[in-house]
């Protein structure tokens, strides 16, 4: 994970969540957070789970 700051990555995705409209964009963001979930420390996993849930919910509402 050299060069990737999970704190910053998750914050950036959370900030752009309202602007994510296309299924492709939402899936890309979801893939990134799911990857981060696997490599981040346990204390960050709760926040990642919340973001994953929000992204999945948004994805389910996208045609």
N, C-alpha and C. Protein backbone atom coordinates (compact mmCIF):
# COMPACT_ATOMS: atom_id res chain seq x y z
N UNK A 1 0.82 -1.19 0.00
CA UNK A 1 0.00 0.00 0.00
C UNK A 1 0.86 1.25 0.00
N UNK A 2 2.07 1.11 -0.47
CA UNK A 2 3.00 2.23 -0.51
C UNK A 2 2.43 3.35 -1.38
N UNK A 3 2.46 4.55 -0.85
CA UNK A 3 1.96 5.69 -1.59
C UNK A 3 0.47 5.94 -1.45
N UNK A 4 -0.24 5.03 -0.81
CA UNK A 4 -1.68 5.19 -0.62
C UNK A 4 -1.95 5.44 0.85
N UNK A 5 -2.66 6.51 1.12
CA UNK A 5 -3.05 6.82 2.49
C UNK A 5 -4.54 6.48 2.62
N UNK A 6 -4.86 5.39 3.34
CA UNK A 6 -6.26 4.97 3.42
C UNK A 6 -7.17 6.03 4.03
N UNK A 7 -6.64 6.82 4.96
CA UNK A 7 -7.44 7.89 5.56
C UNK A 7 -7.89 8.88 4.48
N UNK A 8 -6.93 9.30 3.67
CA UNK A 8 -7.21 10.28 2.62
C UNK A 8 -8.10 9.67 1.55
N UNK A 9 -7.82 8.45 1.14
CA UNK A 9 -8.62 7.80 0.10
C UNK A 9 -10.07 7.67 0.52
N UNK A 10 -10.32 7.21 1.73
CA UNK A 10 -11.71 7.06 2.19
C UNK A 10 -12.39 8.42 2.33
N UNK A 11 -11.65 9.41 2.79
CA UNK A 11 -12.23 10.75 2.93
C UNK A 11 -12.60 11.31 1.56
N UNK A 12 -11.73 11.12 0.58
CA UNK A 12 -12.02 11.62 -0.77
C UNK A 12 -13.27 10.96 -1.35
N UNK A 13 -13.39 9.65 -1.16
CA UNK A 13 -14.56 8.95 -1.68
C UNK A 13 -15.82 9.42 -0.95
N UNK A 14 -15.73 9.57 0.36
CA UNK A 14 -16.89 10.04 1.12
C UNK A 14 -17.31 11.44 0.68
N UNK A 15 -16.34 12.30 0.39
CA UNK A 15 -16.64 13.67 -0.02
C UNK A 15 -17.30 13.70 -1.40
N UNK A 16 -16.91 12.81 -2.30
CA UNK A 16 -17.48 12.83 -3.64
C UNK A 16 -18.70 11.91 -3.78
N UNK A 17 -19.10 11.27 -2.70
CA UNK A 17 -20.25 10.36 -2.73
C UNK A 17 -21.50 11.02 -3.34
N UNK A 18 -21.85 12.24 -2.96
CA UNK A 18 -23.06 12.85 -3.54
C UNK A 18 -22.96 13.06 -5.06
N UNK A 19 -21.75 13.22 -5.58
CA UNK A 19 -21.57 13.46 -7.01
C UNK A 19 -21.50 12.16 -7.82
N UNK A 20 -21.33 11.03 -7.18
CA UNK A 20 -21.26 9.76 -7.90
C UNK A 20 -22.66 9.42 -8.42
N UNK A 21 -22.80 9.39 -9.72
CA UNK A 21 -24.11 9.14 -10.32
C UNK A 21 -24.13 7.89 -11.18
N UNK A 22 -23.07 7.66 -11.94
CA UNK A 22 -23.08 6.52 -12.85
C UNK A 22 -22.75 5.23 -12.10
N UNK A 23 -23.30 4.16 -12.59
CA UNK A 23 -23.05 2.85 -12.00
C UNK A 23 -21.55 2.54 -12.00
N UNK A 24 -20.88 2.89 -13.09
CA UNK A 24 -19.45 2.64 -13.22
C UNK A 24 -18.65 3.39 -12.15
N UNK A 25 -18.96 4.66 -11.94
CA UNK A 25 -18.26 5.46 -10.94
C UNK A 25 -18.49 4.91 -9.53
N UNK A 26 -19.72 4.52 -9.24
CA UNK A 26 -20.04 3.98 -7.92
C UNK A 26 -19.31 2.65 -7.70
N UNK A 27 -19.29 1.80 -8.73
CA UNK A 27 -18.61 0.52 -8.61
C UNK A 27 -17.10 0.69 -8.41
N UNK A 28 -16.51 1.66 -9.10
CA UNK A 28 -15.07 1.93 -8.93
C UNK A 28 -14.77 2.36 -7.50
N UNK A 29 -15.60 3.26 -6.97
CA UNK A 29 -15.41 3.73 -5.60
C UNK A 29 -15.59 2.57 -4.62
N UNK A 30 -16.59 1.75 -4.85
CA UNK A 30 -16.86 0.61 -3.99
C UNK A 30 -15.69 -0.37 -4.02
N UNK A 31 -15.15 -0.64 -5.20
CA UNK A 31 -13.99 -1.53 -5.31
C UNK A 31 -12.80 -0.99 -4.51
N UNK A 32 -12.59 0.32 -4.60
CA UNK A 32 -11.47 0.92 -3.88
C UNK A 32 -11.64 0.79 -2.37
N UNK A 33 -12.83 1.08 -1.88
CA UNK A 33 -13.07 0.99 -0.43
C UNK A 33 -13.00 -0.47 0.05
N UNK A 34 -13.52 -1.39 -0.75
CA UNK A 34 -13.44 -2.80 -0.37
C UNK A 34 -11.99 -3.27 -0.32
N UNK A 35 -11.16 -2.78 -1.24
CA UNK A 35 -9.73 -3.11 -1.19
C UNK A 35 -9.10 -2.52 0.08
N UNK A 36 -9.39 -1.26 0.33
CA UNK A 36 -8.84 -0.61 1.52
C UNK A 36 -9.25 -1.34 2.79
N UNK A 37 -10.49 -1.82 2.82
CA UNK A 37 -10.99 -2.54 3.99
C UNK A 37 -10.08 -3.72 4.34
N UNK A 38 -9.57 -4.38 3.31
CA UNK A 38 -8.73 -5.56 3.52
C UNK A 38 -7.35 -5.22 4.07
N UNK A 39 -6.90 -3.99 3.86
CA UNK A 39 -5.51 -3.66 4.22
C UNK A 39 -5.40 -2.61 5.34
N UNK A 40 -6.52 -2.05 5.76
CA UNK A 40 -6.46 -1.01 6.79
C UNK A 40 -6.47 -1.62 8.19
N UNK A 41 -6.00 -0.86 9.16
CA UNK A 41 -6.04 -1.33 10.54
C UNK A 41 -7.48 -1.49 11.02
N UNK A 42 -7.69 -2.39 11.97
CA UNK A 42 -9.05 -2.66 12.48
C UNK A 42 -9.79 -1.41 12.95
N UNK A 43 -9.10 -0.43 13.47
CA UNK A 43 -9.79 0.76 13.98
C UNK A 43 -10.41 1.60 12.86
N UNK A 44 -10.01 1.39 11.63
CA UNK A 44 -10.61 2.10 10.50
C UNK A 44 -11.71 1.30 9.82
N UNK A 45 -11.83 0.04 10.16
CA UNK A 45 -12.77 -0.81 9.45
C UNK A 45 -14.22 -0.42 9.66
N UNK A 46 -14.57 0.10 10.82
CA UNK A 46 -15.96 0.53 11.04
C UNK A 46 -16.35 1.63 10.05
N UNK A 47 -15.46 2.60 9.87
CA UNK A 47 -15.74 3.68 8.93
C UNK A 47 -15.81 3.15 7.50
N UNK A 48 -14.94 2.23 7.16
CA UNK A 48 -14.96 1.63 5.82
C UNK A 48 -16.26 0.87 5.60
N UNK A 49 -16.71 0.14 6.62
CA UNK A 49 -17.98 -0.61 6.50
C UNK A 49 -19.15 0.34 6.25
N UNK A 50 -19.17 1.48 6.92
CA UNK A 50 -20.23 2.46 6.73
C UNK A 50 -20.20 3.00 5.30
N UNK A 51 -19.01 3.30 4.82
CA UNK A 51 -18.88 3.83 3.47
C UNK A 51 -19.27 2.78 2.43
N UNK A 52 -18.87 1.53 2.65
CA UNK A 52 -19.26 0.44 1.77
C UNK A 52 -20.78 0.31 1.72
N UNK A 53 -21.41 0.39 2.88
CA UNK A 53 -22.86 0.29 2.96
C UNK A 53 -23.53 1.43 2.18
N UNK A 54 -23.03 2.64 2.33
CA UNK A 54 -23.59 3.78 1.60
C UNK A 54 -23.43 3.60 0.09
N UNK A 55 -22.26 3.13 -0.32
CA UNK A 55 -22.02 2.92 -1.74
C UNK A 55 -22.90 1.81 -2.30
N UNK A 56 -23.07 0.73 -1.56
CA UNK A 56 -23.93 -0.37 -2.02
C UNK A 56 -25.37 0.09 -2.12
N UNK A 57 -25.81 0.88 -1.17
CA UNK A 57 -27.17 1.41 -1.20
C UNK A 57 -27.36 2.30 -2.43
N UNK A 58 -26.40 3.16 -2.67
CA UNK A 58 -26.48 4.04 -3.83
C UNK A 58 -26.46 3.23 -5.12
N UNK A 59 -25.64 2.20 -5.17
CA UNK A 59 -25.54 1.33 -6.34
C UNK A 59 -26.87 0.62 -6.60
N UNK A 60 -27.52 0.18 -5.54
CA UNK A 60 -28.79 -0.53 -5.71
C UNK A 60 -29.90 0.38 -6.25
N UNK A 61 -29.73 1.68 -6.07
CA UNK A 61 -30.73 2.64 -6.55
C UNK A 61 -30.41 3.19 -7.93
N UNK A 62 -29.29 2.71 -8.49
CA UNK A 62 -28.85 3.18 -9.81
C UNK A 62 -29.29 2.16 -10.86
N UNK A 63 -29.89 2.65 -11.90
CA UNK A 63 -30.39 1.76 -12.95
C UNK A 63 -29.28 1.13 -13.75
